Amino acid sequence: MARTTIGVVVLFLVFAGGVWGFDRINGPPSTDTTVYVLNVKDADVQRVDLTTPAGTAAFERAEPLGWKFVDRDEGADLGRVNSVVTRLSKMRSSAKVADTVSDLARYGLAPPVDTATLTMKDGTTTRILIGIKTVNDSAYYVMVEGKPELHTVNTLLVGDVDKLVTDPPLASGTATPTERPAVIGTPGASPVGTPGPDGIPTATVGLPAIRVDQ
């Protein structure tokens, strides 16, 4: 009986040690249940091309930090472009609709309403297809070109994609400069300290004239 008990204890310790060693090597099991439509490293995205019903827009990384418009040598708003690129590269699924679909037109994906193409630093590209809204207007149908799964994603992301086209993300400080306000004064008045015809310095608004006695 004693030997049996000792044997059970030894087996338990061996099992516990094996589990401990597995966790040390592989780490604890992941508790992340998030489903991703696309999951790539956002820092490796070199360029993003967007196509919407309103038009197109394209941005690429600018050195040493930031984004710029592809079609013109002008910086783009870092926060707005970064936000969209990050959410596209780590696109979370609101719901998985199907493992595969045969009638893409039913979901506005043949052809897609919007597309977003991510070009990575190694030259590889990923094209995201965005379709129509769901019946309750709470999400959009979406899939990655070349993958059969159909998902839905939140409307906020798609809205921000559209805004990069309709409301170009100009970098701060690129607004059209305003004209320098004109100096208010008496037309034809001489500068302060410059004697007029009668030898008296001409006054400007807010400053009294000072008579200089000869």
N, C-alpha and C. Protein backbone atom coordinates (compact mmCIF):
# COMPACT_ATOMS: atom_id res chain seq x y z
N MET A 1 0.83 -1.20 0.00
CA MET A 1 0.00 0.00 0.00
C MET A 1 0.86 1.25 0.00
N ALA A 2 1.90 1.23 0.87
CA ALA A 2 2.80 2.37 0.97
C ALA A 2 3.54 2.58 -0.32
N ARG A 3 3.98 1.44 -0.94
CA ARG A 3 4.70 1.56 -2.19
C ARG A 3 3.80 2.15 -3.30
N THR A 4 2.53 1.74 -3.30
CA THR A 4 1.60 2.27 -4.29
C THR A 4 1.41 3.77 -4.14
N THR A 5 1.29 4.20 -2.89
CA THR A 5 1.13 5.62 -2.61
C THR A 5 2.34 6.42 -3.07
N ILE A 6 3.52 5.86 -2.78
CA ILE A 6 4.76 6.53 -3.19
C ILE A 6 4.83 6.62 -4.71
N GLY A 7 4.40 5.55 -5.37
CA GLY A 7 4.43 5.55 -6.83
C GLY A 7 3.52 6.60 -7.42
N VAL A 8 2.33 6.74 -6.85
CA VAL A 8 1.38 7.75 -7.32
C VAL A 8 1.95 9.14 -7.13
N VAL A 9 2.57 9.37 -5.98
CA VAL A 9 3.16 10.69 -5.70
C VAL A 9 4.27 11.00 -6.70
N VAL A 10 5.12 9.97 -6.99
CA VAL A 10 6.22 10.18 -7.94
C VAL A 10 5.68 10.52 -9.33
N LEU A 11 4.63 9.77 -9.76
CA LEU A 11 4.04 10.04 -11.07
C LEU A 11 3.45 11.45 -11.13
N PHE A 12 2.80 11.88 -10.05
CA PHE A 12 2.23 13.22 -9.99
C PHE A 12 3.31 14.29 -10.13
N LEU A 13 4.44 14.06 -9.41
CA LEU A 13 5.53 15.03 -9.46
C LEU A 13 6.15 15.09 -10.85
N VAL A 14 6.27 13.93 -11.49
CA VAL A 14 6.83 13.90 -12.85
C VAL A 14 5.91 14.66 -13.80
N PHE A 15 4.58 14.42 -13.68
CA PHE A 15 3.61 15.10 -14.54
C PHE A 15 3.64 16.60 -14.31
N ALA A 16 3.66 16.99 -13.03
CA ALA A 16 3.69 18.41 -12.70
C ALA A 16 4.96 19.07 -13.23
N GLY A 17 6.07 18.35 -13.12
CA GLY A 17 7.32 18.89 -13.64
C GLY A 17 7.28 19.03 -15.14
N GLY A 18 6.62 18.08 -15.82
CA GLY A 18 6.50 18.16 -17.28
C GLY A 18 5.67 19.35 -17.69
N VAL A 19 4.56 19.60 -17.00
CA VAL A 19 3.71 20.75 -17.31
C VAL A 19 4.46 22.04 -17.07
N TRP A 20 5.19 22.10 -15.97
CA TRP A 20 5.97 23.30 -15.65
C TRP A 20 7.01 23.57 -16.73
N GLY A 21 7.69 22.52 -17.17
CA GLY A 21 8.70 22.67 -18.20
C GLY A 21 8.10 23.10 -19.53
N PHE A 22 6.91 22.58 -19.86
CA PHE A 22 6.24 22.97 -21.11
C PHE A 22 5.88 24.44 -21.09
N ASP A 23 5.36 24.90 -19.95
CA ASP A 23 4.99 26.31 -19.83
C ASP A 23 6.21 27.22 -19.90
N ARG A 24 7.33 26.73 -19.34
CA ARG A 24 8.56 27.53 -19.38
C ARG A 24 9.04 27.71 -20.82
N ILE A 25 8.88 26.68 -21.63
CA ILE A 25 9.36 26.73 -23.01
C ILE A 25 8.37 27.43 -23.92
N ASN A 26 7.11 27.08 -23.81
CA ASN A 26 6.10 27.57 -24.75
C ASN A 26 5.25 28.70 -24.20
N GLY A 27 5.32 28.94 -22.90
CA GLY A 27 4.48 29.95 -22.30
C GLY A 27 3.09 29.41 -22.02
N PRO A 28 2.32 30.11 -21.22
CA PRO A 28 0.96 29.67 -20.91
C PRO A 28 0.09 29.73 -22.16
N PRO A 29 -0.96 28.91 -22.23
CA PRO A 29 -1.85 28.94 -23.39
C PRO A 29 -2.49 30.30 -23.56
N SER A 30 -2.64 30.73 -24.80
CA SER A 30 -3.21 32.04 -25.09
C SER A 30 -4.70 32.08 -24.76
N THR A 31 -5.12 33.20 -24.19
CA THR A 31 -6.55 33.39 -23.88
C THR A 31 -7.19 34.36 -24.87
N ASP A 32 -6.44 34.77 -25.89
CA ASP A 32 -6.95 35.71 -26.90
C ASP A 32 -7.87 34.97 -27.86
N THR A 33 -9.12 35.33 -27.86
CA THR A 33 -10.10 34.67 -28.73
C THR A 33 -10.47 35.56 -29.93
N THR A 34 -9.71 36.63 -30.13
CA THR A 34 -10.01 37.54 -31.23
C THR A 34 -9.83 36.84 -32.57
N VAL A 35 -10.79 37.04 -33.45
CA VAL A 35 -10.70 36.51 -34.81
C VAL A 35 -10.29 37.65 -35.73
N TYR A 36 -9.24 37.43 -36.50
CA TYR A 36 -8.74 38.47 -37.39
C TYR A 36 -9.06 38.14 -38.84
N VAL A 37 -9.53 39.15 -39.56
CA VAL A 37 -9.69 39.03 -41.00
C VAL A 37 -8.30 39.04 -41.63
N LEU A 38 -7.44 39.90 -41.10
CA LEU A 38 -6.05 40.01 -41.54
C LEU A 38 -5.21 40.34 -40.32
N ASN A 39 -4.03 39.73 -40.25
CA ASN A 39 -3.16 39.96 -39.10
C ASN A 39 -1.71 39.97 -39.58
N VAL A 40 -1.23 41.17 -39.95
CA VAL A 40 0.16 41.34 -40.37
C VAL A 40 0.77 42.45 -39.53
N LYS A 41 2.09 42.56 -39.57
CA LYS A 41 2.79 43.56 -38.77
C LYS A 41 2.62 44.93 -39.40
N ASP A 42 1.95 45.82 -38.68
CA ASP A 42 1.66 47.14 -39.25
C ASP A 42 2.92 47.94 -39.56
N ALA A 43 3.98 47.73 -38.77
CA ALA A 43 5.22 48.47 -39.00
C ALA A 43 5.89 48.07 -40.31
N ASP A 44 5.51 46.93 -40.88
CA ASP A 44 6.09 46.47 -42.14
C ASP A 44 5.32 46.94 -43.36
N VAL A 45 4.22 47.67 -43.14
CA VAL A 45 3.45 48.20 -44.26
C VAL A 45 4.19 49.42 -44.81
N GLN A 46 4.57 49.34 -46.08
CA GLN A 46 5.32 50.43 -46.71
C GLN A 46 4.41 51.40 -47.45
N ARG A 47 3.28 50.88 -47.94
CA ARG A 47 2.39 51.71 -48.75
C ARG A 47 0.96 51.18 -48.63
N VAL A 48 -0.01 52.10 -48.75
CA VAL A 48 -1.42 51.71 -48.75
C VAL A 48 -2.11 52.44 -49.89
N ASP A 49 -2.85 51.67 -50.71
CA ASP A 49 -3.63 52.22 -51.81
C ASP A 49 -5.11 51.99 -51.54
N LEU A 50 -5.90 53.05 -51.63
CA LEU A 50 -7.32 52.97 -51.33
C LEU A 50 -8.14 53.33 -52.57
N THR A 51 -9.19 52.57 -52.80
CA THR A 51 -10.13 52.85 -53.89
C THR A 51 -11.54 52.83 -53.33
N THR A 52 -12.28 53.91 -53.52
CA THR A 52 -13.64 54.03 -53.04
C THR A 52 -14.50 54.62 -54.16
N PRO A 53 -15.83 54.63 -53.98
CA PRO A 53 -16.68 55.26 -55.00
C PRO A 53 -16.35 56.73 -55.23
N ALA A 54 -15.76 57.38 -54.23
CA ALA A 54 -15.44 58.81 -54.34
C ALA A 54 -14.11 59.08 -55.03
N GLY A 55 -13.29 58.03 -55.22
CA GLY A 55 -11.99 58.23 -55.85
C GLY A 55 -10.93 57.33 -55.26
N THR A 56 -9.68 57.73 -55.41
CA THR A 56 -8.57 56.93 -54.92
C THR A 56 -7.61 57.79 -54.11
N ALA A 57 -6.78 57.13 -53.32
CA ALA A 57 -5.73 57.80 -52.56
C ALA A 57 -4.65 56.77 -52.28
N ALA A 58 -3.41 57.24 -52.20
CA ALA A 58 -2.29 56.34 -51.93
C ALA A 58 -1.28 57.07 -51.05
N PHE A 59 -0.74 56.34 -50.08
CA PHE A 59 0.22 56.91 -49.14
C PHE A 59 1.38 55.93 -48.96
N GLU A 60 2.57 56.48 -48.76
CA GLU A 60 3.73 55.64 -48.49
C GLU A 60 4.52 56.25 -47.34
N ARG A 61 5.30 55.42 -46.71
CA ARG A 61 6.06 55.89 -45.56
C ARG A 61 7.11 56.91 -45.98
N ALA A 62 7.28 57.90 -45.12
CA ALA A 62 8.27 58.95 -45.35
C ALA A 62 9.36 58.81 -44.30
N GLU A 63 10.58 58.96 -44.71
CA GLU A 63 11.71 58.87 -43.77
C GLU A 63 11.96 60.21 -43.10
N PRO A 64 12.35 60.23 -41.85
CA PRO A 64 12.56 59.06 -40.98
C PRO A 64 11.29 58.55 -40.30
N LEU A 65 10.24 59.37 -40.31
CA LEU A 65 9.00 58.96 -39.65
C LEU A 65 7.84 59.70 -40.29
N GLY A 66 6.77 58.98 -40.54
CA GLY A 66 5.57 59.63 -41.06
C GLY A 66 5.07 59.00 -42.34
N TRP A 67 4.12 59.69 -42.98
CA TRP A 67 3.52 59.26 -44.24
C TRP A 67 3.46 60.43 -45.20
N LYS A 68 3.45 60.13 -46.48
CA LYS A 68 3.31 61.18 -47.49
C LYS A 68 2.39 60.69 -48.60
N PHE A 69 1.82 61.64 -49.34
CA PHE A 69 1.00 61.32 -50.49
C PHE A 69 1.89 60.77 -51.60
N VAL A 70 1.42 59.75 -52.30
CA VAL A 70 2.20 59.17 -53.38
C VAL A 70 2.18 60.06 -54.61
N ASP A 71 1.03 60.69 -54.87
CA ASP A 71 0.88 61.46 -56.10
C ASP A 71 1.43 62.88 -56.01
N ARG A 72 1.90 63.28 -54.86
CA ARG A 72 2.52 64.60 -54.74
C ARG A 72 3.48 64.59 -53.56
N ASP A 73 4.51 65.39 -53.67
CA ASP A 73 5.54 65.42 -52.64
C ASP A 73 5.08 66.27 -51.46
N GLU A 74 4.18 65.69 -50.69
CA GLU A 74 3.59 66.43 -49.57
C GLU A 74 3.31 65.46 -48.43
N GLY A 75 3.63 65.88 -47.22
CA GLY A 75 3.41 65.03 -46.06
C GLY A 75 1.94 64.85 -45.75
N ALA A 76 1.59 63.70 -45.19
CA ALA A 76 0.21 63.41 -44.79
C ALA A 76 0.12 63.35 -43.27
N ASP A 77 -1.08 63.54 -42.76
CA ASP A 77 -1.31 63.52 -41.32
C ASP A 77 -0.95 62.15 -40.75
N LEU A 78 0.07 62.13 -39.89
CA LEU A 78 0.58 60.87 -39.34
C LEU A 78 -0.48 60.10 -38.57
N GLY A 79 -1.23 60.80 -37.72
CA GLY A 79 -2.21 60.13 -36.88
C GLY A 79 -3.31 59.45 -37.68
N ARG A 80 -3.87 60.16 -38.67
CA ARG A 80 -4.98 59.61 -39.43
C ARG A 80 -4.56 58.41 -40.28
N VAL A 81 -3.44 58.54 -41.00
CA VAL A 81 -3.00 57.44 -41.85
C VAL A 81 -2.56 56.25 -41.01
N ASN A 82 -1.82 56.50 -39.95
CA ASN A 82 -1.37 55.42 -39.07
C ASN A 82 -2.54 54.65 -38.49
N SER A 83 -3.57 55.37 -38.08
CA SER A 83 -4.73 54.73 -37.47
C SER A 83 -5.39 53.75 -38.44
N VAL A 84 -5.56 54.17 -39.69
CA VAL A 84 -6.20 53.30 -40.68
C VAL A 84 -5.31 52.12 -41.02
N VAL A 85 -4.01 52.37 -41.22
CA VAL A 85 -3.09 51.29 -41.58
C VAL A 85 -3.01 50.25 -40.47
N THR A 86 -2.95 50.70 -39.22
CA THR A 86 -2.88 49.78 -38.10
C THR A 86 -4.12 48.89 -38.03
N ARG A 87 -5.30 49.50 -38.21
CA ARG A 87 -6.54 48.72 -38.12
C ARG A 87 -6.76 47.82 -39.32
N LEU A 88 -6.23 48.22 -40.48
CA LEU A 88 -6.32 47.34 -41.65
C LEU A 88 -5.41 46.13 -41.50
N SER A 89 -4.19 46.36 -41.01
CA SER A 89 -3.23 45.27 -40.89
C SER A 89 -3.59 44.32 -39.75
N LYS A 90 -4.28 44.83 -38.73
CA LYS A 90 -4.77 44.00 -37.63
C LYS A 90 -6.29 44.04 -37.63
N MET A 91 -6.88 43.69 -38.76
CA MET A 91 -8.32 43.84 -38.92
C MET A 91 -9.09 42.78 -38.13
N ARG A 92 -9.85 43.25 -37.16
CA ARG A 92 -10.63 42.35 -36.33
C ARG A 92 -11.99 42.05 -36.95
N SER A 93 -12.37 40.82 -36.88
CA SER A 93 -13.67 40.41 -37.41
C SER A 93 -14.77 40.68 -36.39
N SER A 94 -15.83 41.36 -36.82
CA SER A 94 -16.99 41.51 -35.94
C SER A 94 -17.73 40.18 -35.85
N ALA A 95 -17.77 39.47 -36.97
CA ALA A 95 -18.40 38.14 -37.02
C ALA A 95 -17.93 37.42 -38.27
N LYS A 96 -17.75 36.12 -38.15
CA LYS A 96 -17.42 35.31 -39.32
C LYS A 96 -18.73 34.84 -39.94
N VAL A 97 -18.98 35.23 -41.18
CA VAL A 97 -20.24 34.92 -41.83
C VAL A 97 -20.22 33.51 -42.40
N ALA A 98 -19.13 33.16 -43.08
CA ALA A 98 -19.05 31.84 -43.71
C ALA A 98 -17.61 31.49 -44.00
N ASP A 99 -17.33 30.17 -44.06
CA ASP A 99 -15.98 29.70 -44.41
C ASP A 99 -15.71 29.90 -45.90
N THR A 100 -16.75 29.87 -46.69
CA THR A 100 -16.63 30.12 -48.12
C THR A 100 -17.97 30.55 -48.68
N VAL A 101 -17.96 31.39 -49.70
CA VAL A 101 -19.20 31.86 -50.33
C VAL A 101 -19.04 31.75 -51.84
N SER A 102 -20.14 31.46 -52.51
CA SER A 102 -20.10 31.31 -53.96
C SER A 102 -20.64 32.55 -54.67
N ASP A 103 -21.56 33.25 -54.03
CA ASP A 103 -22.17 34.43 -54.65
C ASP A 103 -21.66 35.70 -53.97
N LEU A 104 -20.50 36.19 -54.42
CA LEU A 104 -19.90 37.37 -53.80
C LEU A 104 -20.70 38.63 -54.08
N ALA A 105 -21.40 38.67 -55.21
CA ALA A 105 -22.19 39.85 -55.56
C ALA A 105 -23.26 40.13 -54.53
N ARG A 106 -23.74 39.11 -53.89
CA ARG A 106 -24.77 39.26 -52.86
C ARG A 106 -24.29 40.14 -51.71
N TYR A 107 -22.98 40.16 -51.50
CA TYR A 107 -22.41 40.92 -50.38
C TYR A 107 -21.67 42.17 -50.87
N GLY A 108 -21.88 42.52 -52.13
CA GLY A 108 -21.24 43.72 -52.66
C GLY A 108 -19.75 43.56 -52.87
N LEU A 109 -19.31 42.32 -53.14
CA LEU A 109 -17.89 42.03 -53.28
C LEU A 109 -17.49 41.63 -54.70
N ALA A 110 -18.41 41.69 -55.65
CA ALA A 110 -18.10 41.34 -57.03
C ALA A 110 -18.78 42.32 -57.98
N PRO A 111 -18.17 43.49 -58.21
CA PRO A 111 -16.88 43.94 -57.65
C PRO A 111 -17.06 44.53 -56.26
N PRO A 112 -15.97 44.69 -55.52
CA PRO A 112 -16.07 45.29 -54.18
C PRO A 112 -16.40 46.78 -54.26
N VAL A 113 -17.01 47.28 -53.20
CA VAL A 113 -17.31 48.72 -53.12
C VAL A 113 -16.02 49.50 -52.86
N ASP A 114 -15.27 49.07 -51.87
CA ASP A 114 -13.98 49.68 -51.53
C ASP A 114 -12.89 48.60 -51.60
N THR A 115 -11.67 49.02 -51.87
CA THR A 115 -10.52 48.12 -51.74
C THR A 115 -9.40 48.86 -51.01
N ALA A 116 -8.61 48.11 -50.28
CA ALA A 116 -7.43 48.64 -49.60
C ALA A 116 -6.29 47.66 -49.85
N THR A 117 -5.25 48.13 -50.50
CA THR A 117 -4.11 47.27 -50.81
C THR A 117 -2.91 47.68 -49.97
N LEU A 118 -2.41 46.74 -49.19
CA LEU A 118 -1.24 46.99 -48.36
C LEU A 118 -0.01 46.41 -49.05
N THR A 119 1.00 47.24 -49.25
CA THR A 119 2.26 46.78 -49.82
C THR A 119 3.29 46.75 -48.70
N MET A 120 3.88 45.58 -48.47
CA MET A 120 4.82 45.41 -47.37
C MET A 120 6.23 45.82 -47.81
N LYS A 121 7.13 45.93 -46.86
CA LYS A 121 8.50 46.33 -47.15
C LYS A 121 9.22 45.31 -48.04
N ASP A 122 8.79 44.04 -47.99
CA ASP A 122 9.42 43.03 -48.83
C ASP A 122 8.80 42.96 -50.23
N GLY A 123 7.84 43.85 -50.50
CA GLY A 123 7.24 43.90 -51.82
C GLY A 123 5.96 43.12 -51.98
N THR A 124 5.60 42.28 -51.02
CA THR A 124 4.37 41.51 -51.11
C THR A 124 3.16 42.42 -50.88
N THR A 125 2.03 42.06 -51.47
CA THR A 125 0.82 42.87 -51.35
C THR A 125 -0.35 42.03 -50.83
N THR A 126 -1.24 42.69 -50.13
CA THR A 126 -2.47 42.07 -49.65
C THR A 126 -3.62 43.01 -49.99
N ARG A 127 -4.64 42.48 -50.66
CA ARG A 127 -5.77 43.32 -51.09
C ARG A 127 -7.00 42.96 -50.26
N ILE A 128 -7.53 43.95 -49.60
CA ILE A 128 -8.72 43.78 -48.76
C ILE A 128 -9.93 44.25 -49.55
N LEU A 129 -10.96 43.42 -49.61
CA LEU A 129 -12.17 43.75 -50.36
C LEU A 129 -13.28 44.10 -49.38
N ILE A 130 -13.89 45.26 -49.57
CA ILE A 130 -14.96 45.73 -48.67
C ILE A 130 -16.25 45.83 -49.49
N GLY A 131 -17.31 45.22 -48.97
CA GLY A 131 -18.58 45.19 -49.68
C GLY A 131 -19.61 46.15 -49.14
N ILE A 132 -20.86 45.72 -49.15
CA ILE A 132 -21.96 46.56 -48.69
C ILE A 132 -22.19 46.38 -47.20
N LYS A 133 -23.08 47.20 -46.66
CA LYS A 133 -23.45 47.09 -45.26
C LYS A 133 -24.36 45.88 -45.03
N THR A 134 -24.35 45.41 -43.80
CA THR A 134 -25.26 44.34 -43.42
C THR A 134 -26.69 44.90 -43.37
N VAL A 135 -27.65 44.02 -43.24
CA VAL A 135 -29.05 44.44 -43.25
C VAL A 135 -29.36 45.45 -42.15
N ASN A 136 -28.76 45.29 -40.99
CA ASN A 136 -29.03 46.20 -39.87
C ASN A 136 -28.09 47.40 -39.83
N ASP A 137 -27.29 47.59 -40.90
CA ASP A 137 -26.38 48.75 -41.02
C ASP A 137 -25.32 48.82 -39.93
N SER A 138 -25.03 47.73 -39.27
CA SER A 138 -24.09 47.78 -38.15
C SER A 138 -22.67 47.39 -38.54
N ALA A 139 -22.48 46.87 -39.74
CA ALA A 139 -21.16 46.39 -40.16
C ALA A 139 -21.10 46.30 -41.68
N TYR A 140 -19.89 46.07 -42.18
CA TYR A 140 -19.68 45.87 -43.62
C TYR A 140 -19.15 44.46 -43.86
N TYR A 141 -19.51 43.88 -45.00
CA TYR A 141 -18.95 42.60 -45.39
C TYR A 141 -17.54 42.83 -45.93
N VAL A 142 -16.64 41.91 -45.59
CA VAL A 142 -15.25 42.08 -45.99
C VAL A 142 -14.56 40.72 -46.12
N MET A 143 -13.57 40.67 -47.00
CA MET A 143 -12.75 39.47 -47.13
C MET A 143 -11.40 39.87 -47.71
N VAL A 144 -10.42 38.99 -47.55
CA VAL A 144 -9.09 39.21 -48.11
C VAL A 144 -9.00 38.45 -49.43
N GLU A 145 -8.56 39.13 -50.47
CA GLU A 145 -8.46 38.49 -51.77
C GLU A 145 -7.56 37.26 -51.69
N GLY A 146 -8.07 36.15 -52.21
CA GLY A 146 -7.31 34.90 -52.17
C GLY A 146 -7.68 34.01 -51.01
N LYS A 147 -8.46 34.54 -50.07
CA LYS A 147 -8.94 33.75 -48.94
C LYS A 147 -10.46 33.58 -49.06
N PRO A 148 -11.00 32.40 -48.72
CA PRO A 148 -12.42 32.14 -48.93
C PRO A 148 -13.34 32.67 -47.84
N GLU A 149 -12.79 32.98 -46.64
CA GLU A 149 -13.65 33.34 -45.52
C GLU A 149 -14.30 34.71 -45.70
N LEU A 150 -15.55 34.79 -45.31
CA LEU A 150 -16.31 36.04 -45.35
C LEU A 150 -16.57 36.51 -43.93
N HIS A 151 -16.25 37.78 -43.66
CA HIS A 151 -16.42 38.36 -42.33
C HIS A 151 -17.20 39.67 -42.43
N THR A 152 -17.51 40.21 -41.28
CA THR A 152 -18.01 41.58 -41.19
C THR A 152 -17.06 42.36 -40.30
N VAL A 153 -16.94 43.67 -40.57
CA VAL A 153 -16.11 44.55 -39.75
C VAL A 153 -16.92 45.79 -39.41
N ASN A 154 -16.49 46.50 -38.37
CA ASN A 154 -17.26 47.66 -37.89
C ASN A 154 -17.26 48.80 -38.90
N THR A 155 -18.29 49.59 -38.82
CA THR A 155 -18.49 50.68 -39.79
C THR A 155 -17.48 51.80 -39.61
N LEU A 156 -16.94 51.98 -38.40
CA LEU A 156 -16.02 53.08 -38.14
C LEU A 156 -14.77 52.96 -39.00
N LEU A 157 -14.22 51.76 -39.12
CA LEU A 157 -13.01 51.57 -39.92
C LEU A 157 -13.28 51.92 -41.38
N VAL A 158 -14.37 51.43 -41.93
CA VAL A 158 -14.68 51.69 -43.33
C VAL A 158 -14.93 53.19 -43.55
N GLY A 159 -15.58 53.82 -42.58
CA GLY A 159 -15.80 55.27 -42.67
C GLY A 159 -14.50 56.04 -42.71
N ASP A 160 -13.51 55.62 -41.91
CA ASP A 160 -12.21 56.29 -41.88
C ASP A 160 -11.43 56.04 -43.17
N VAL A 161 -11.60 54.86 -43.77
CA VAL A 161 -10.98 54.59 -45.07
C VAL A 161 -11.53 55.55 -46.11
N ASP A 162 -12.85 55.69 -46.14
CA ASP A 162 -13.49 56.60 -47.10
C ASP A 162 -13.04 58.05 -46.90
N LYS A 163 -12.87 58.46 -45.64
CA LYS A 163 -12.50 59.85 -45.36
C LYS A 163 -11.09 60.19 -45.83
N LEU A 164 -10.20 59.19 -45.89
CA LEU A 164 -8.86 59.46 -46.39
C LEU A 164 -8.90 59.87 -47.87
N VAL A 165 -9.99 59.50 -48.55
CA VAL A 165 -10.17 59.89 -49.95
C VAL A 165 -10.95 61.19 -50.06
N THR A 166 -12.07 61.28 -49.35
CA THR A 166 -12.94 62.46 -49.46
C THR A 166 -12.40 63.66 -48.70
N ASP A 167 -11.65 63.42 -47.64
CA ASP A 167 -11.09 64.49 -46.81
C ASP A 167 -9.60 64.24 -46.64
N PRO A 168 -8.78 64.58 -47.64
CA PRO A 168 -7.35 64.25 -47.63
C PRO A 168 -6.67 64.64 -46.31
N PRO A 169 -5.89 63.73 -45.75
CA PRO A 169 -5.24 63.97 -44.45
C PRO A 169 -3.99 64.84 -44.57
N LEU A 170 -4.20 66.13 -44.75
CA LEU A 170 -3.07 67.04 -44.87
C LEU A 170 -2.32 67.11 -43.54
N ALA A 171 -1.01 67.16 -43.63
CA ALA A 171 -0.20 67.27 -42.42
C ALA A 171 -0.44 68.62 -41.78
N SER A 172 -0.36 68.67 -40.45
CA SER A 172 -0.55 69.94 -39.75
C SER A 172 0.54 70.91 -40.16
N GLY A 173 0.13 72.17 -40.31
CA GLY A 173 1.10 73.19 -40.71
C GLY A 173 1.15 73.42 -42.20
N THR A 174 0.29 72.68 -42.97
CA THR A 174 0.31 72.86 -44.42
C THR A 174 -0.85 73.70 -44.90
N ALA A 175 -1.59 74.31 -43.97
CA ALA A 175 -2.71 75.15 -44.37
C ALA A 175 -2.22 76.38 -45.12
N THR A 176 -3.07 76.91 -45.98
CA THR A 176 -2.70 78.10 -46.75
C THR A 176 -2.46 79.28 -45.82
N PRO A 177 -1.29 79.89 -45.88
CA PRO A 177 -0.99 81.00 -44.97
C PRO A 177 -1.88 82.20 -45.24
N THR A 178 -2.26 82.88 -44.20
CA THR A 178 -3.09 84.08 -44.36
C THR A 178 -2.19 85.27 -44.68
N GLU A 179 -2.77 86.27 -45.33
CA GLU A 179 -1.99 87.44 -45.67
C GLU A 179 -1.66 88.24 -44.41
N ARG A 180 -0.53 88.87 -44.46
CA ARG A 180 -0.13 89.70 -43.32
C ARG A 180 -1.04 90.92 -43.26
N PRO A 181 -1.62 91.19 -42.09
CA PRO A 181 -2.54 92.34 -41.99
C PRO A 181 -1.84 93.65 -42.31
N ALA A 182 -2.57 94.52 -42.97
CA ALA A 182 -2.01 95.83 -43.33
C ALA A 182 -1.86 96.69 -42.09
N VAL A 183 -0.87 97.57 -42.11
CA VAL A 183 -0.65 98.49 -41.00
C VAL A 183 -1.70 99.59 -41.07
N ILE A 184 -2.38 99.79 -39.97
CA ILE A 184 -3.41 100.82 -39.92
C ILE A 184 -2.77 102.16 -39.61
N GLY A 185 -3.04 103.14 -40.39
CA GLY A 185 -2.47 104.45 -40.14
C GLY A 185 -3.10 105.49 -41.04
N THR A 186 -2.60 106.69 -40.99
CA THR A 186 -3.13 107.76 -41.82
C THR A 186 -2.53 107.67 -43.21
N PRO A 187 -3.37 107.59 -44.26
CA PRO A 187 -2.83 107.49 -45.62
C PRO A 187 -1.87 108.63 -45.91
N GLY A 188 -0.71 108.25 -46.43
CA GLY A 188 0.27 109.26 -46.80
C GLY A 188 1.08 109.79 -45.64
N ALA A 189 0.84 109.26 -44.41
CA ALA A 189 1.57 109.75 -43.24
C ALA A 189 3.01 109.32 -43.31
N SER A 190 3.88 110.14 -42.81
CA SER A 190 5.29 109.81 -42.77
C SER A 190 5.56 108.90 -41.59
N PRO A 191 6.63 108.14 -41.62
CA PRO A 191 6.97 107.28 -40.48
C PRO A 191 7.21 108.10 -39.23
N VAL A 192 7.07 107.44 -38.08
CA VAL A 192 7.29 108.12 -36.81
C VAL A 192 8.70 108.67 -36.77
N GLY A 193 8.80 109.89 -36.33
CA GLY A 193 10.12 110.49 -36.21
C GLY A 193 10.54 111.24 -37.44
N THR A 194 9.77 111.07 -38.55
CA THR A 194 10.11 111.79 -39.77
C THR A 194 9.32 113.08 -39.81
N PRO A 195 9.97 114.21 -39.82
CA PRO A 195 9.25 115.49 -39.79
C PRO A 195 8.41 115.68 -41.02
N GLY A 196 7.23 116.24 -40.80
CA GLY A 196 6.36 116.58 -41.91
C GLY A 196 6.77 117.92 -42.49
N PRO A 197 5.91 118.47 -43.32
CA PRO A 197 6.25 119.77 -43.96
C PRO A 197 6.46 120.89 -42.96
N ASP A 198 5.73 120.79 -41.79
CA ASP A 198 5.85 121.88 -40.82
C ASP A 198 6.89 121.60 -39.75
N GLY A 199 7.68 120.52 -39.94
CA GLY A 199 8.71 120.21 -38.97
C GLY A 199 8.23 119.39 -37.80
N ILE A 200 6.91 119.01 -37.76
CA ILE A 200 6.36 118.22 -36.66
C ILE A 200 6.30 116.76 -37.07
N PRO A 201 6.88 115.85 -36.29
CA PRO A 201 6.81 114.43 -36.66
C PRO A 201 5.36 113.99 -36.79
N THR A 202 5.07 113.22 -37.82
CA THR A 202 3.71 112.75 -38.09
C THR A 202 3.33 111.64 -37.13
N ALA A 203 2.11 111.70 -36.59
CA ALA A 203 1.66 110.69 -35.62
C ALA A 203 1.10 109.48 -36.35
N THR A 204 1.18 108.34 -35.70
CA THR A 204 0.51 107.12 -36.16
C THR A 204 -0.56 106.79 -35.14
N VAL A 205 -1.46 105.86 -35.48
CA VAL A 205 -2.58 105.53 -34.59
C VAL A 205 -2.04 105.02 -33.26
N GLY A 206 -2.50 105.61 -32.20
CA GLY A 206 -2.13 105.16 -30.86
C GLY A 206 -0.88 105.83 -30.33
N LEU A 207 -0.17 106.59 -31.16
CA LEU A 207 1.05 107.25 -30.71
C LEU A 207 0.90 108.75 -30.93
N PRO A 208 1.11 109.53 -29.90
CA PRO A 208 0.98 111.00 -30.06
C PRO A 208 2.18 111.57 -30.82
N ALA A 209 1.93 112.63 -31.53
CA ALA A 209 3.02 113.32 -32.21
C ALA A 209 3.82 114.09 -31.18
N ILE A 210 5.11 114.14 -31.36
CA ILE A 210 5.98 114.89 -30.44
C ILE A 210 6.55 116.07 -31.19
N ARG A 211 6.25 117.21 -30.63
CA ARG A 211 6.75 118.43 -31.31
C ARG A 211 8.20 118.62 -30.96
N VAL A 212 8.96 118.86 -31.95
CA VAL A 212 10.39 119.10 -31.75
C VAL A 212 10.63 120.59 -31.99
N ASP A 213 10.95 121.29 -30.91
CA ASP A 213 11.22 122.73 -31.03
C ASP A 213 12.60 122.94 -31.61
N GLN A 214 12.65 123.80 -32.53
CA GLN A 214 13.93 124.12 -33.14
C GLN A 214 14.67 125.14 -32.26
